[in-house]
Amino acid sequence: MDNVLKYNDFIASVKYSEADEAFIGRIEGINSIVSFEGQSVKELKLAFQQATESYMDFCRRKGIFEPQKSYSGLFNVRIDADLHRRAAIKAKTQGHTLNAFVKKAIERDLELAY
């Protein structure tokens, strides 16, 4: 995926700021706002690693044992009406609920990604 960095179990989104002539990153999937920047890709990666380590140190000092954001397992998905209809029909013909069908599709896509 473009514009994403990975370090340990963390990911960060990255954008380029033309005004600052720098790459700006933000750690995603945590309950805090942690950003970092670099003039080059090498600097950006190092800044991401340092920001992640600093965040983990902060969590240890504050007694936060789960630094990643927790997820409930519930989310809304907005798709066009025809795709919704086709997915519902496919799920029903396979003997599944729409939720089970979507869950299986996501699991299958994640398996292909790794």
C-alpha atoms as a PDB file:
ATOM      1  CA  MET A   1       0.000   0.000   0.000  1.00  0.00           C
ATOM      2  CA  ASP A   2       1.268   3.445  -0.849  1.00  0.00           C
ATOM      3  CA  ASN A   3       2.034   6.054   1.773  1.00  0.00           C
ATOM      4  CA  VAL A   4       2.203   3.601   4.682  1.00  0.00           C
ATOM      5  CA  LEU A   5       5.200   2.713   6.829  1.00  0.00           C
ATOM      6  CA  LYS A   6       5.466  -0.340   9.083  1.00  0.00           C
ATOM      7  CA  TYR A   7       7.587  -0.757  12.188  1.00  0.00           C
ATOM      8  CA  ASN A   8       7.093  -3.609  14.662  1.00  0.00           C
ATOM      9  CA  ASP A   9       3.306  -3.880  15.081  1.00  0.00           C
ATOM     10  CA  PHE A  10       2.659  -0.247  14.141  1.00  0.00           C
ATOM     11  CA  ILE A  11       1.725   1.456  10.901  1.00  0.00           C
ATOM     12  CA  ALA A  12       1.891   5.094   9.932  1.00  0.00           C
ATOM     13  CA  SER A  13       0.289   7.119   7.182  1.00  0.00           C
ATOM     14  CA  VAL A  14       2.564   9.458   5.259  1.00  0.00           C
ATOM     15  CA  LYS A  15       1.907  12.614   3.250  1.00  0.00           C
ATOM     16  CA  TYR A  16       4.230  15.017   1.526  1.00  0.00           C
ATOM     17  CA  SER A  17       3.975  18.678   2.469  1.00  0.00           C
ATOM     18  CA  GLU A  18       5.117  20.828  -0.416  1.00  0.00           C
ATOM     19  CA  ALA A  19       5.011  23.940   1.789  1.00  0.00           C
ATOM     20  CA  ASP A  20       7.367  22.346   4.337  1.00  0.00           C
ATOM     21  CA  GLU A  21       9.287  20.321   1.746  1.00  0.00           C
ATOM     22  CA  ALA A  22       9.028  17.386   4.119  1.00  0.00           C
ATOM     23  CA  PHE A  23       7.310  14.072   4.573  1.00  0.00           C
ATOM     24  CA  ILE A  24       4.822  14.149   7.457  1.00  0.00           C
ATOM     25  CA  GLY A  25       3.788  10.907   9.156  1.00  0.00           C
ATOM     26  CA  ARG A  26       1.239   9.913  11.759  1.00  0.00           C
ATOM     27  CA  ILE A  27       1.064   6.655  13.714  1.00  0.00           C
ATOM     28  CA  GLU A  28      -2.319   5.027  13.073  1.00  0.00           C
ATOM     29  CA  GLY A  29      -4.316   2.630  15.222  1.00  0.00           C
ATOM     30  CA  ILE A  30      -3.427   4.122  18.605  1.00  0.00           C
ATOM     31  CA  ASN A  31      -5.379   6.221  21.091  1.00  0.00           C
ATOM     32  CA  SER A  32      -2.955   9.146  20.905  1.00  0.00           C
ATOM     33  CA  ILE A  33      -1.847  11.533  18.201  1.00  0.00           C
ATOM     34  CA  VAL A  34       1.791  10.886  17.380  1.00  0.00           C
ATOM     35  CA  SER A  35       3.311  12.524  14.327  1.00  0.00           C
ATOM     36  CA  PHE A  36       6.820  12.739  12.902  1.00  0.00           C
ATOM     37  CA  GLU A  37       8.572  14.120   9.858  1.00  0.00           C
ATOM     38  CA  GLY A  38      11.646  13.856   7.696  1.00  0.00           C
ATOM     39  CA  GLN A  39      13.228  15.591   4.719  1.00  0.00           C
ATOM     40  CA  SER A  40      14.033  12.248   3.070  1.00  0.00           C
ATOM     41  CA  VAL A  41      12.603   8.759   3.166  1.00  0.00           C
ATOM     42  CA  LYS A  42      15.562   7.644   5.287  1.00  0.00           C
ATOM     43  CA  GLU A  43      14.960  10.472   7.797  1.00  0.00           C
ATOM     44  CA  LEU A  44      11.224   9.727   7.800  1.00  0.00           C
ATOM     45  CA  LYS A  45      11.744   6.042   8.590  1.00  0.00           C
ATOM     46  CA  LEU A  46      14.150   6.852  11.404  1.00  0.00           C
ATOM     47  CA  ALA A  47      11.751   9.462  12.817  1.00  0.00           C
ATOM     48  CA  PHE A  48       8.926   6.891  12.687  1.00  0.00           C
ATOM     49  CA  GLN A  49      11.008   4.363  14.615  1.00  0.00           C
ATOM     50  CA  GLN A  50      11.962   6.989  17.193  1.00  0.00           C
ATOM     51  CA  ALA A  51       8.351   8.197  17.542  1.00  0.00           C
ATOM     52  CA  THR A  52       7.162   4.609  18.007  1.00  0.00           C
ATOM     53  CA  GLU A  53       9.794   3.851  20.639  1.00  0.00           C
ATOM     54  CA  SER A  54       8.986   7.124  22.421  1.00  0.00           C
ATOM     55  CA  TYR A  55       5.270   6.272  22.377  1.00  0.00           C
ATOM     56  CA  MET A  56       5.959   2.775  23.754  1.00  0.00           C
ATOM     57  CA  ASP A  57       8.119   4.289  26.518  1.00  0.00           C
ATOM     58  CA  PHE A  58       5.286   6.715  27.346  1.00  0.00           C
ATOM     59  CA  CYS A  59       2.838   3.789  27.545  1.00  0.00           C
ATOM     60  CA  ARG A  60       5.156   1.844  29.869  1.00  0.00           C
ATOM     61  CA  ARG A  61       5.563   4.864  32.178  1.00  0.00           C
ATOM     62  CA  LYS A  62       1.792   5.450  32.278  1.00  0.00           C
ATOM     63  CA  GLY A  63       0.981   1.772  32.845  1.00  0.00           C
ATOM     64  CA  ILE A  64      -0.764   1.425  29.488  1.00  0.00           C
ATOM     65  CA  PHE A  65      -0.410  -2.257  28.683  1.00  0.00           C
ATOM     66  CA  GLU A  66      -2.295  -2.171  25.383  1.00  0.00           C
ATOM     67  CA  PRO A  67      -0.808   0.657  23.291  1.00  0.00           C
ATOM     68  CA  GLN A  68      -2.828  -0.236  20.200  1.00  0.00           C
ATOM     69  CA  LYS A  69      -6.375   1.049  19.766  1.00  0.00           C
ATOM     70  CA  SER A  70      -8.982  -1.546  20.688  1.00  0.00           C
ATOM     71  CA  TYR A  71     -11.683  -2.402  18.192  1.00  0.00           C
ATOM     72  CA  SER A  72     -15.230  -3.490  18.993  1.00  0.00           C
ATOM     73  CA  GLY A  73     -15.742  -5.645  15.918  1.00  0.00           C
ATOM     74  CA  LEU A  74     -18.603  -3.436  14.761  1.00  0.00           C
ATOM     75  CA  PHE A  75     -18.332  -1.016  11.853  1.00  0.00           C
ATOM     76  CA  ASN A  76     -20.535   0.477   9.171  1.00  0.00           C
ATOM     77  CA  VAL A  77     -19.712  -0.118   5.551  1.00  0.00           C
ATOM     78  CA  ARG A  78     -21.028   2.195   2.849  1.00  0.00           C
ATOM     79  CA  ILE A  79     -21.283   0.618  -0.575  1.00  0.00           C
ATOM     80  CA  ASP A  80     -23.503   1.322  -3.538  1.00  0.00           C
ATOM     81  CA  ALA A  81     -26.996  -0.178  -3.538  1.00  0.00           C
ATOM     82  CA  ASP A  82     -26.357  -2.628  -6.370  1.00  0.00           C
ATOM     83  CA  LEU A  83     -23.266  -4.073  -4.698  1.00  0.00           C
ATOM     84  CA  HIS A  84     -25.251  -4.396  -1.459  1.00  0.00           C
ATOM     85  CA  ARG A  85     -28.037  -6.235  -3.302  1.00  0.00           C
ATOM     86  CA  ARG A  86     -25.618  -8.576  -5.095  1.00  0.00           C
ATOM     87  CA  ALA A  87     -23.745  -9.384  -1.882  1.00  0.00           C
ATOM     88  CA  ALA A  88     -26.996 -10.075  -0.008  1.00  0.00           C
ATOM     89  CA  ILE A  89     -28.183 -12.420  -2.773  1.00  0.00           C
ATOM     90  CA  LYS A  90     -24.830 -14.221  -2.938  1.00  0.00           C
ATOM     91  CA  ALA A  91     -24.771 -14.630   0.852  1.00  0.00           C
ATOM     92  CA  LYS A  92     -28.323 -16.003   0.893  1.00  0.00           C
ATOM     93  CA  THR A  93     -27.622 -18.468  -1.933  1.00  0.00           C
ATOM     94  CA  GLN A  94     -24.601 -19.728   0.018  1.00  0.00           C
ATOM     95  CA  GLY A  95     -26.698 -20.117   3.168  1.00  0.00           C
ATOM     96  CA  HIS A  96     -24.943 -17.278   5.008  1.00  0.00           C
ATOM     97  CA  THR A  97     -25.948 -13.990   6.538  1.00  0.00           C
ATOM     98  CA  LEU A  98     -24.613 -10.837   4.933  1.00  0.00           C
ATOM     99  CA  ASN A  99     -22.378 -10.329   7.995  1.00  0.00           C
ATOM    100  CA  ALA A 100     -20.891 -13.818   7.612  1.00  0.00           C
ATOM    101  CA  PHE A 101     -20.380 -13.232   3.889  1.00  0.00           C
ATOM    102  CA  VAL A 102     -18.547  -9.936   4.476  1.00  0.00           C
ATOM    103  CA  LYS A 103     -16.470 -11.448   7.287  1.00  0.00           C
ATOM    104  CA  LYS A 104     -15.398 -14.307   5.008  1.00  0.00           C
ATOM    105  CA  ALA A 105     -14.532 -11.884   2.183  1.00  0.00           C
ATOM    106  CA  ILE A 106     -12.382  -9.780   4.521  1.00  0.00           C
ATOM    107  CA  GLU A 107     -10.620 -12.859   5.923  1.00  0.00           C
ATOM    108  CA  ARG A 108      -9.945 -14.128   2.399  1.00  0.00           C
ATOM    109  CA  ASP A 109      -8.543 -10.764   1.308  1.00  0.00           C
ATOM    110  CA  LEU A 110      -6.298 -10.547   4.384  1.00  0.00           C
ATOM    111  CA  GLU A 111      -4.952 -14.052   3.745  1.00  0.00           C
ATOM    112  CA  LEU A 112      -4.067 -13.053   0.186  1.00  0.00           C
ATOM    113  CA  ALA A 113      -2.334  -9.916   1.446  1.00  0.00           C
ATOM    114  CA  TYR A 114       0.138 -11.883   3.569  1.00  0.00           C
END
